[in-house]
Protein backbone atom coordinates (compact mmCIF):
# COMPACT_ATOMS: atom_id res chain seq x y z
CA MET A 1 -2.97 -0.09 6.13
CA VAL A 2 -1.95 3.12 4.36
CA SER A 3 -4.82 5.64 4.30
CA GLY A 4 -5.48 9.34 4.21
CA LYS A 5 -5.49 12.39 2.05
CA LEU A 6 -3.67 12.74 -1.24
CA ASN A 7 -3.21 16.50 -1.16
CA LEU A 8 -2.66 18.17 -4.50
CA VAL A 9 -1.50 21.61 -5.55
CA LEU A 10 -3.89 24.42 -6.56
CA LYS A 11 -3.49 25.87 -10.05
CA LYS A 12 -4.03 29.52 -10.92
CA ASN A 13 -7.28 30.73 -12.49
CA PRO A 14 -9.09 27.39 -12.34
CA GLN A 15 -12.31 26.65 -14.18
CA LYS A 16 -13.26 23.70 -12.01
CA THR A 17 -11.79 22.25 -8.83
CA VAL A 18 -11.34 18.65 -7.70
CA SER A 19 -10.09 16.97 -4.53
CA PHE A 20 -9.10 13.38 -3.83
CA TYR A 21 -9.21 11.07 -0.83
CA THR A 22 -7.56 7.65 -0.88
CA LEU A 23 -8.29 4.85 1.55
CA GLY A 24 -6.42 1.57 1.77
CA CYS A 25 -3.24 0.35 0.18
CA LYS A 26 -0.29 1.82 -1.70
CA LEU A 27 -1.83 0.53 -4.92
CA ASN A 28 -4.85 2.77 -4.34
CA GLN A 29 -2.47 5.69 -3.81
CA ALA A 30 -0.79 5.00 -7.14
CA GLU A 31 -4.12 4.74 -8.94
CA THR A 32 -5.49 7.93 -7.41
CA ALA A 33 -2.36 9.79 -8.50
CA ALA A 34 -2.83 8.55 -12.07
CA ILE A 35 -6.49 9.59 -12.08
CA ALA A 36 -5.55 12.97 -10.60
CA SER A 37 -3.12 13.53 -13.46
CA ASP A 38 -6.01 13.02 -15.90
CA PHE A 39 -8.10 15.67 -14.16
CA VAL A 40 -5.23 18.16 -14.08
CA THR A 41 -4.39 17.51 -17.74
CA HIS A 42 -8.00 18.31 -18.62
CA GLY A 43 -7.93 21.67 -16.87
CA TYR A 44 -9.13 20.89 -13.36
CA ALA A 45 -7.42 22.51 -10.39
CA ALA A 46 -6.53 19.95 -7.73
CA VAL A 47 -7.30 21.18 -4.21
CA PRO A 48 -6.49 19.57 -0.84
CA PHE A 49 -9.33 17.44 0.52
CA GLY A 50 -11.20 19.44 3.11
CA GLU A 51 -11.90 22.51 0.95
CA PRO A 52 -15.16 23.05 -1.01
CA VAL A 53 -14.76 21.86 -4.60
CA ASP A 54 -16.76 21.07 -7.73
CA VAL A 55 -15.79 17.37 -7.77
CA VAL A 56 -14.67 14.98 -5.03
CA PHE A 57 -13.10 11.65 -5.98
CA ILE A 58 -12.96 9.02 -3.20
CA ASN A 59 -10.96 5.86 -3.85
CA THR A 60 -12.25 3.25 -1.43
CA CYS A 61 -11.04 0.12 0.36
CA SER A 62 -12.93 -2.98 1.45
CA VAL A 63 -10.26 -5.15 3.06
CA THR A 64 -11.96 -5.11 6.49
CA GLU A 65 -15.24 -4.04 8.05
CA ARG A 66 -13.42 -1.12 9.64
CA SER A 67 -12.17 -0.04 6.20
CA GLU A 68 -15.73 0.07 4.89
CA GLN A 69 -16.87 2.07 7.91
CA LYS A 70 -14.10 4.60 7.25
CA CYS A 71 -15.22 4.84 3.60
CA ARG A 72 -18.75 5.74 4.66
CA GLN A 73 -17.45 8.37 7.08
CA ILE A 74 -15.31 10.03 4.39
CA ILE A 75 -18.16 10.05 1.87
CA ARG A 76 -20.42 11.84 4.35
CA LYS A 77 -17.63 14.26 5.27
CA ALA A 78 -17.03 15.06 1.60
CA LYS A 79 -20.68 15.95 1.12
CA ARG A 80 -20.68 18.18 4.20
CA ILE A 81 -17.62 20.05 2.94
CA SER A 82 -18.85 20.31 -0.67
CA PRO A 83 -22.68 20.25 -0.50
CA ALA A 84 -22.91 21.37 -4.14
CA GLY A 85 -20.02 19.19 -5.26
CA TYR A 86 -20.24 16.10 -7.47
CA ILE A 87 -19.23 13.09 -5.37
CA ILE A 88 -17.56 10.15 -7.13
CA VAL A 89 -17.06 6.99 -5.08
CA ALA A 90 -14.80 4.41 -6.71
CA GLY A 91 -12.66 1.38 -5.98
CA CYS A 92 -12.98 -1.88 -4.07
CA TYR A 93 -15.87 -0.95 -1.77
CA SER A 94 -17.87 0.28 -4.76
CA GLN A 95 -17.00 -2.85 -6.74
CA LEU A 96 -18.18 -5.21 -4.01
CA LYS A 97 -21.08 -3.27 -2.49
CA PRO A 98 -22.48 -0.73 -4.99
CA LYS A 99 -25.99 -0.96 -3.52
CA THR A 100 -24.70 -0.05 -0.07
CA VAL A 101 -22.77 2.91 -1.48
CA ARG A 102 -25.83 4.06 -3.43
CA GLU A 103 -27.78 4.34 -0.17
CA ILE A 104 -25.35 6.92 1.24
CA PRO A 105 -26.85 10.41 0.77
CA GLY A 106 -24.92 12.66 -1.58
CA VAL A 107 -23.22 10.08 -3.79
CA ASP A 108 -23.52 11.01 -7.47
CA LEU A 109 -21.47 8.40 -9.30
CA ILE A 110 -20.31 4.92 -8.28
CA LEU A 111 -17.40 3.36 -10.16
CA GLY A 112 -15.68 0.01 -9.69
CA THR A 113 -12.02 -0.93 -9.79
CA GLN A 114 -11.81 -0.81 -13.59
CA ASN A 115 -14.27 1.97 -14.42
CA LYS A 116 -12.70 4.46 -12.04
CA TYR A 117 -10.20 5.38 -14.74
CA ASP A 118 -13.15 6.64 -16.82
CA SER A 119 -14.25 9.22 -14.24
CA LEU A 120 -13.78 12.14 -16.62
CA LYS A 121 -15.68 10.40 -19.40
CA PHE A 122 -18.67 9.86 -17.13
CA LEU A 123 -18.55 13.47 -15.96
CA GLN A 124 -18.72 14.63 -19.57
CA THR A 125 -21.68 12.43 -20.60
CA GLU A 126 -25.29 11.96 -19.68
CA PHE A 127 -24.23 10.12 -16.51
CA LYS A 128 -23.33 13.51 -15.04
CA ASN A 129 -26.99 14.28 -14.44
CA GLN A 130 -28.03 10.92 -13.02
CA VAL A 131 -28.01 10.47 -9.27
CA SER A 132 -26.14 7.48 -7.83
CA THR A 133 -25.37 5.92 -11.17
CA SER A 134 -23.47 2.66 -10.73
CA GLN A 135 -20.93 1.70 -13.35
CA ILE A 136 -19.52 -1.60 -12.10
CA SER A 137 -17.81 -4.11 -14.39
CA PRO A 138 -18.79 -7.56 -13.04
CA PHE A 139 -15.97 -9.38 -14.82
CA LEU A 140 -12.37 -8.25 -15.04
CA ARG A 141 -10.61 -9.75 -18.05
CA ARG A 142 -7.05 -10.91 -17.59
CA GLU A 143 -5.72 -8.57 -20.26
CA ASP A 144 -7.22 -5.47 -18.66
CA PHE A 145 -4.25 -3.92 -16.88
CA ARG A 146 -5.16 -0.27 -16.58
CA LEU A 147 -3.40 2.87 -15.49
CA THR A 148 -3.97 6.30 -16.99
CA GLY A 149 -0.85 8.40 -16.76
CA ASP A 150 2.23 8.40 -14.61
CA GLY A 151 0.77 10.10 -11.56
CA TYR A 152 0.29 13.51 -10.00
CA TRP A 153 1.64 13.81 -6.47
CA ASP A 154 1.89 16.46 -3.77
CA SER A 155 5.38 15.32 -2.82
CA HIS A 156 8.42 14.97 -5.07
CA THR A 157 10.24 12.42 -2.93
CA ARG A 158 8.56 9.03 -3.25
CA ALA A 159 6.08 7.69 -5.80
CA PHE A 160 4.16 4.43 -6.00
CA LEU A 161 4.70 2.62 -9.30
CA LYS A 162 1.91 0.19 -10.16
CA ILE A 163 3.29 -2.93 -11.86
CA GLN A 164 0.50 -5.46 -11.35
CA ASP A 165 -3.16 -5.79 -10.40
CA GLY A 166 -5.45 -8.59 -9.23
CA CYS A 167 -4.72 -11.99 -7.69
CA ASP A 168 -5.10 -15.62 -8.80
CA TYR A 169 -5.14 -17.03 -5.27
CA ARG A 170 -8.37 -17.67 -3.40
CA CYS A 171 -7.45 -17.25 0.25
CA THR A 172 -10.56 -18.04 2.24
CA TYR A 173 -10.64 -14.75 4.18
CA CYS A 174 -9.92 -12.36 1.31
CA SER A 175 -12.34 -10.44 -0.90
CA ILE A 176 -9.67 -8.81 -3.07
CA PRO A 177 -9.87 -11.32 -5.97
CA TYR A 178 -13.58 -10.48 -6.22
CA SER A 179 -12.95 -6.73 -6.29
CA ARG A 180 -9.73 -6.72 -8.32
CA GLY A 181 -10.03 -9.77 -10.58
CA PRO A 182 -7.26 -12.09 -11.81
CA SER A 183 -3.58 -11.19 -11.82
CA ARG A 184 -2.57 -8.84 -14.66
CA SER A 185 0.94 -7.48 -15.21
CA ASP A 186 1.97 -4.34 -17.02
CA PRO A 187 4.59 -5.21 -19.68
CA PRO A 188 8.10 -4.29 -18.51
CA GLN A 189 8.67 -1.73 -21.24
CA ASN A 190 5.63 0.22 -20.03
CA ILE A 191 6.85 0.11 -16.44
CA VAL A 192 10.33 1.30 -17.41
CA ARG A 193 8.81 4.17 -19.41
CA ARG A 194 6.62 5.23 -16.48
CA ALA A 195 9.53 4.91 -14.06
CA GLN A 196 11.67 7.14 -16.27
CA ALA A 197 8.87 9.71 -16.37
CA LEU A 198 8.55 9.73 -12.57
CA VAL A 199 12.29 10.05 -12.09
CA GLY A 200 12.21 12.91 -14.59
CA GLN A 201 9.66 14.62 -12.35
CA GLY A 202 12.16 14.51 -9.49
CA PHE A 203 11.23 11.40 -7.52
CA LYS A 204 14.13 9.78 -5.69
CA GLU A 205 12.39 6.57 -4.64
CA LEU A 206 9.86 4.39 -6.45
CA VAL A 207 7.78 1.87 -4.51
CA LEU A 208 6.70 -1.06 -6.69
CA THR A 209 3.04 -1.73 -5.94
CA GLY A 210 0.28 -4.12 -6.90
CA VAL A 211 -2.22 -6.46 -5.32
CA HIS A 212 0.31 -9.30 -5.49
CA ILE A 213 3.62 -8.20 -6.98
CA GLY A 214 5.15 -11.65 -6.45
CA MET A 215 2.93 -12.80 -9.33
CA TYR A 216 4.44 -10.21 -11.65
CA GLY A 217 5.04 -11.50 -15.17
CA LYS A 218 3.31 -14.88 -14.86
CA ASP A 219 0.55 -13.78 -17.25
CA LEU A 220 2.84 -12.20 -19.86
CA ASP A 221 3.81 -13.91 -23.11
CA LYS A 222 7.53 -13.83 -22.42
CA ALA A 223 9.05 -15.27 -19.27
CA GLU A 224 9.06 -12.28 -16.95
CA ASN A 225 9.35 -12.07 -13.20
CA LEU A 226 10.00 -9.55 -10.44
CA VAL A 227 13.78 -10.01 -10.40
CA LYS A 228 14.03 -9.44 -14.16
CA LEU A 229 11.93 -6.30 -13.82
CA LEU A 230 14.15 -4.99 -11.04
CA ARG A 231 17.23 -5.52 -13.21
CA ARG A 232 15.57 -3.50 -15.99
CA LEU A 233 14.73 -0.68 -13.60
CA LEU A 234 18.28 -0.58 -12.22
CA LYS A 235 19.43 0.44 -15.70
CA ILE A 236 17.73 3.81 -15.12
CA GLU A 237 20.86 5.53 -13.82
CA SER A 238 19.08 8.49 -12.25
CA LEU A 239 16.72 6.26 -10.23
CA GLU A 240 18.25 6.40 -6.76
CA ARG A 241 16.16 3.86 -4.84
CA ILE A 242 13.56 1.16 -5.43
CA ARG A 243 11.40 -0.25 -2.65
CA LEU A 244 9.26 -3.37 -2.78
CA SER A 245 5.80 -3.79 -1.32
CA SER A 246 4.31 -6.98 0.10
CA LEU A 247 5.42 -10.48 -0.93
CA ASP A 248 4.42 -13.98 0.15
CA PRO A 249 7.16 -16.02 1.89
CA HIS A 250 7.72 -18.36 -1.07
CA GLU A 251 8.19 -15.35 -3.35
CA VAL A 252 11.23 -14.17 -1.39
CA THR A 253 13.60 -16.19 -3.55
CA ASP A 254 17.36 -16.60 -3.35
CA ASP A 255 17.69 -14.60 -6.58
CA LEU A 256 15.71 -11.72 -5.09
CA ILE A 257 17.69 -11.70 -1.83
CA ASP A 258 20.98 -11.84 -3.74
CA LEU A 259 19.95 -8.93 -5.97
CA VAL A 260 18.92 -6.75 -3.02
CA ALA A 261 22.16 -7.64 -1.24
CA SER A 262 24.21 -6.67 -4.30
CA THR A 263 23.08 -3.04 -4.61
CA ARG A 264 22.27 -0.05 -2.43
CA ARG A 265 19.67 1.07 -4.95
CA ILE A 266 17.08 -1.49 -3.84
CA ALA A 267 15.94 -0.83 -0.28
CA PRO A 268 16.80 -3.71 2.10
CA HIS A 269 13.21 -3.82 3.28
CA PHE A 270 11.01 -6.89 2.92
CA HIS A 271 7.32 -6.87 3.80
CA ILE A 272 6.15 -10.49 4.06
CA ALA A 273 2.51 -11.59 4.21
CA LEU A 274 2.75 -14.28 6.91
CA GLN A 275 -0.85 -14.08 8.27
CA SER A 276 -0.36 -16.94 10.78
CA GLY A 277 2.46 -18.92 12.35
CA HIS A 278 0.46 -22.14 12.66
CA GLU A 279 0.22 -24.69 9.84
CA ALA A 280 -3.41 -25.60 10.50
CA VAL A 281 -4.49 -21.96 10.29
CA LEU A 282 -2.51 -21.44 7.08
CA ARG A 283 -4.24 -24.48 5.56
CA ALA A 284 -7.65 -23.15 6.62
CA MET A 285 -6.73 -19.84 5.00
CA LYS A 286 -5.59 -21.69 1.84
CA ARG A 287 -2.26 -19.92 1.88
CA ALA A 288 0.34 -21.18 -0.60
CA TYR A 289 3.28 -21.71 1.78
CA THR A 290 4.29 -23.24 5.11
CA VAL A 291 5.68 -21.81 8.33
CA GLU A 292 8.96 -23.50 7.46
CA ARG A 293 9.10 -21.56 4.18
CA PHE A 294 8.62 -18.31 6.08
CA ASN A 295 11.39 -19.21 8.53
CA THR A 296 13.73 -20.08 5.66
CA ALA A 297 13.08 -16.79 3.85
CA VAL A 298 13.59 -14.69 6.97
CA ALA A 299 16.76 -16.56 7.94
CA LYS A 300 18.26 -16.07 4.47
CA ILE A 301 17.45 -12.35 4.47
CA HIS A 302 18.97 -11.91 7.93
CA ASP A 303 22.08 -13.87 6.96
CA ARG A 304 22.73 -12.03 3.66
CA ILE A 305 21.51 -8.56 4.72
CA PRO A 306 21.78 -8.24 8.54
CA HIS A 307 20.61 -4.61 8.55
CA ALA A 308 17.45 -5.34 6.51
CA GLY A 309 14.11 -4.30 7.91
CA ILE A 310 11.61 -7.16 7.74
CA GLY A 311 7.89 -6.60 8.24
CA VAL A 312 4.99 -9.02 8.43
CA ASP A 313 1.24 -9.01 7.96
CA VAL A 314 -0.50 -11.15 10.58
CA ILE A 315 -4.19 -11.85 11.21
CA ALA A 316 -5.39 -12.38 14.78
CA GLY A 317 -8.47 -14.47 15.51
CA PHE A 318 -9.04 -16.39 12.28
CA PRO A 319 -11.97 -18.84 12.70
CA GLY A 320 -10.83 -21.95 14.55
CA GLU A 321 -7.63 -20.37 15.87
CA THR A 322 -7.22 -21.78 19.37
CA ASP A 323 -5.22 -20.21 22.18
CA GLU A 324 -2.46 -22.74 21.47
CA MET A 325 -2.41 -21.84 17.77
CA PHE A 326 -2.21 -18.14 18.56
CA GLU A 327 0.56 -18.81 21.07
CA LYS A 328 2.58 -20.52 18.35
CA THR A 329 2.22 -17.48 16.09
CA TYR A 330 3.24 -15.21 18.95
CA ARG A 331 6.34 -17.27 19.79
CA LEU A 332 7.35 -17.49 16.14
CA LEU A 333 7.26 -13.71 15.76
CA GLU A 334 8.93 -13.19 19.12
CA GLU A 335 11.93 -15.25 18.00
CA ALA A 336 12.15 -14.23 14.32
CA PRO A 337 14.30 -11.22 13.31
CA VAL A 338 11.18 -9.28 12.33
CA PRO A 339 10.82 -5.73 13.72
CA PHE A 340 7.79 -4.39 11.84
CA PHE A 341 4.31 -5.80 12.47
CA HIS A 342 1.14 -5.01 10.52
CA VAL A 343 -1.61 -6.58 12.63
CA PHE A 344 -5.23 -7.14 11.62
CA SER A 345 -8.08 -8.59 13.64
CA TYR A 346 -9.86 -11.08 11.40
CA SER A 347 -12.83 -9.44 9.68
CA ARG A 348 -15.64 -11.49 8.12
CA ARG A 349 -15.91 -10.59 4.44
CA SER A 350 -19.22 -11.21 2.72
CA GLY A 351 -19.01 -13.94 0.09
CA THR A 352 -15.71 -15.41 1.25
CA PRO A 353 -15.44 -19.07 2.38
CA ALA A 354 -14.15 -18.06 5.81
CA GLU A 355 -17.37 -16.15 6.47
CA MET A 356 -19.16 -19.49 6.89
CA LEU A 357 -16.47 -21.35 8.84
CA PRO A 358 -17.41 -22.64 12.30
CA ASP A 359 -15.70 -21.54 15.50
CA GLN A 360 -15.76 -17.81 14.79
CA ILE A 361 -13.71 -15.97 17.43
CA PRO A 362 -15.52 -13.40 19.62
CA LYS A 363 -14.67 -9.79 18.82
CA GLU A 364 -13.15 -9.08 22.23
CA GLN A 365 -10.89 -12.13 22.02
CA LYS A 366 -9.71 -11.10 18.56
CA LYS A 367 -8.89 -7.66 19.91
CA GLN A 368 -6.97 -9.10 22.86
CA ARG A 369 -4.83 -11.21 20.54
CA ALA A 370 -4.25 -8.31 18.17
CA ASP A 371 -3.24 -6.07 21.07
CA LEU A 372 -0.69 -8.64 22.26
CA LEU A 373 0.86 -8.76 18.80
CA ILE A 374 0.87 -4.96 18.48
CA HIS A 375 2.64 -4.66 21.84
CA LEU A 376 5.20 -7.29 20.81
CA GLY A 377 5.73 -5.49 17.51
CA LYS A 378 6.40 -2.18 19.22
CA LYS A 379 8.94 -3.80 21.55
CA LYS A 380 10.73 -5.48 18.65
CA ARG A 381 10.70 -2.32 16.52
CA VAL A 382 12.38 -0.27 19.26
CA ALA A 383 14.97 -3.02 19.86
CA PHE A 384 15.76 -3.08 16.14
CA GLU A 385 16.07 0.70 15.97
CA ARG A 386 18.45 0.77 18.94
CA LYS A 387 20.87 -1.49 17.06
CA PHE A 388 21.63 1.47 14.83
CA LEU A 389 22.60 3.97 17.55
CA GLY A 390 25.82 5.63 16.45
CA LYS A 391 25.56 4.18 12.95
CA ASN A 392 24.74 5.80 9.63
CA LEU A 393 21.58 5.19 7.62
CA HIS A 394 20.61 6.66 4.26
CA VAL A 395 17.43 8.67 4.69
CA LEU A 396 15.19 10.10 1.99
CA VAL A 397 14.22 13.48 3.46
CA GLU A 398 10.54 14.21 2.92
CA ASN A 399 8.73 17.49 2.41
CA ARG A 400 8.41 19.33 5.70
CA ARG A 401 4.89 20.04 6.99
CA ASP A 402 3.64 22.39 9.70
CA ASN A 403 7.17 23.66 10.42
CA ARG A 404 8.12 20.37 12.04
CA GLU A 405 11.65 19.02 12.05
CA PRO A 406 12.60 17.27 8.82
CA GLN A 407 12.13 13.53 8.74
CA GLY A 408 12.29 10.67 6.32
CA VAL A 409 12.55 6.93 5.85
CA ALA A 410 15.84 5.05 5.82
CA GLU A 411 16.62 2.21 3.46
CA ASN A 412 15.54 -0.39 6.03
CA TYR A 413 12.24 1.37 6.79
CA ILE A 414 13.27 3.13 9.99
CA ARG A 415 11.65 6.56 10.18
CA VAL A 416 14.20 9.15 11.32
CA HIS A 417 13.58 12.66 12.68
CA ILE A 418 16.53 14.81 11.62
CA THR A 419 18.08 17.71 13.56
CA PRO A 420 18.92 20.46 13.05
CA SER A 421 18.08 20.57 9.34
CA ALA A 422 18.35 18.62 6.11
CA PRO A 423 17.73 19.24 2.41
CA THR A 424 14.34 18.08 1.18
CA ASN A 425 14.14 15.39 -1.48
CA GLU A 426 17.67 14.12 -1.02
CA ILE A 427 18.92 10.75 0.17
CA ILE A 428 21.54 11.70 2.75
CA PRO A 429 23.66 9.83 5.30
CA VAL A 430 22.28 10.36 8.79
CA ARG A 431 23.89 9.24 12.04
CA ILE A 432 21.41 7.87 14.58
CA ILE A 433 21.90 9.74 17.87
CA ALA A 434 18.85 8.77 19.97
CA VAL A 435 16.00 6.27 20.05
CA SER A 436 12.90 6.70 22.21
CA GLU A 437 9.82 4.51 22.45
CA GLU A 438 8.16 6.55 19.72
CA LYS A 439 10.87 8.27 17.66
CA VAL A 440 14.32 7.83 16.18
CA PHE A 441 16.55 10.90 15.97
CA GLY A 442 19.51 11.49 13.70
CA GLU A 443 21.86 14.19 12.49
CA PRO A 444 23.19 14.68 8.96
CA VAL A 445 26.69 13.35 8.41
CA VAL A 446 29.02 16.10 7.22
CA ARG A 447 30.72 14.90 4.07
């Protein structure tokens, strides 16, 4: 799970100040950046979270119980830092549990997943003077794809480009369809325009984000899909690299693999939402694919693009998962050419069908299974990284912080620490010279 501060740059002679904190996924990051651009356009000075400000905007996540706990901690921290500040809490946690959020001391305005784009409007109306006002839209219409602006970021290297929102699936463990609504796609011409604007701001890599980007285009009038959108984006000559976010196994099509294999401008990095390696568990989850489909997708990627980085989401301890079922998931991932693991312990989500399933797994047993998968993932990641010793990767060098050595992410998702130096915001060839248990080191290739 991607979480943390979205630090923004302070303007001169500000009238009012605002800071932002984003919890959860890349989609939340993209949406916070768009909302931040609205504030800046209207004269607010954006300040790093952690400094006293007039307004704090917190974009929340509700994917697990731990996510919700983190949201509550950040809300309380924001109020301690800015005791006189106006605290806006928005996003998935607010959408699903507005009453719980209202009970947290210091919250001034509660906005859902749709209304959060109207933060400025609420600040400028009578709602400004009402404590803990909840503005939650209970029904998200299919046509309501919303994004306000192209984004305002603290880094000019990589930006998240929202292309889709919501989900039409009803996986038994997941609360996202209740917080985000049905799948809605932004028309391709809008996405291309926003991509051009971001590239014009200096971004070298765009990460296509959404709740379920594999559904892209299914709700649009004309026959659109993810591959067609990628082809449109590749026509932007100054766009150096595109990266995809999570896909389901059956959405990793031959056309998609062939397109990625045909160009260096789409990162050979596939993040696949597996969740379980046992058919019975997948059926209980109401997932839309089989283990065989996952194996087929991974095998085709590995055959066509041997250097591709493949990641998986996997849930440990789903209700009814026996030791034998977990063992099958473990063995599947042990054998598959998958080096990046994103492991969750199953978390009961209020209102989901899985909440009421029998044979709930004890917390300690879920943790044990998750720890085994995390350990396996670390071992496989290091083994994958060592395959590139002495070879060149193309690394997008990120902004340096705290005088540390420059670092960045390669096309196949390997993070590389670069010595002795490297130009920021450039995709450069880097030769891998060392791999430890925790870090990969490389040196720029002299052209």
